[in-house]
Amino acid sequence: MFSPSEALPRLAPKLDQLTREALFGDVWQRAALSPRERSLITIAALLGQSRPHALAFHLRRGRDNGLAADELAEVVTHLAFYVGWPSATAALEQLDAVLADPTL
């Protein structure tokens, strides 16, 4: 299975560097929004675009940034009306897998 965290530095070292330094090292660190708020925004964007692999990563990151399981489920429920049921139910599959992870 493709793992972006493992493949990125091997296949696209510059993209890996930009991801670490510009995205997570700068954008995610800016003070105007908290990491929790950035997680909510990112999860909403990825859910709306039906990006399951990136969504799973950011659901885990959202949990790390203080989002509770019921809040994440509410985000999915709310967005179902805006992005469609198929996208929302696909996101619930990702959320279920993330919540089943005993390390969270």
Foldseek 3Di string as FASTA:
>chain_A
DDDCVVVCCVPPVVVVVCCVCVVVVPVCPDDPDDVLVVLLVVLLVCLLVLPLVVNLVSLLSNVVSPDDLVNVLVSLVVCCVVRHDVSSVSSVVSSVVSVVPPVD
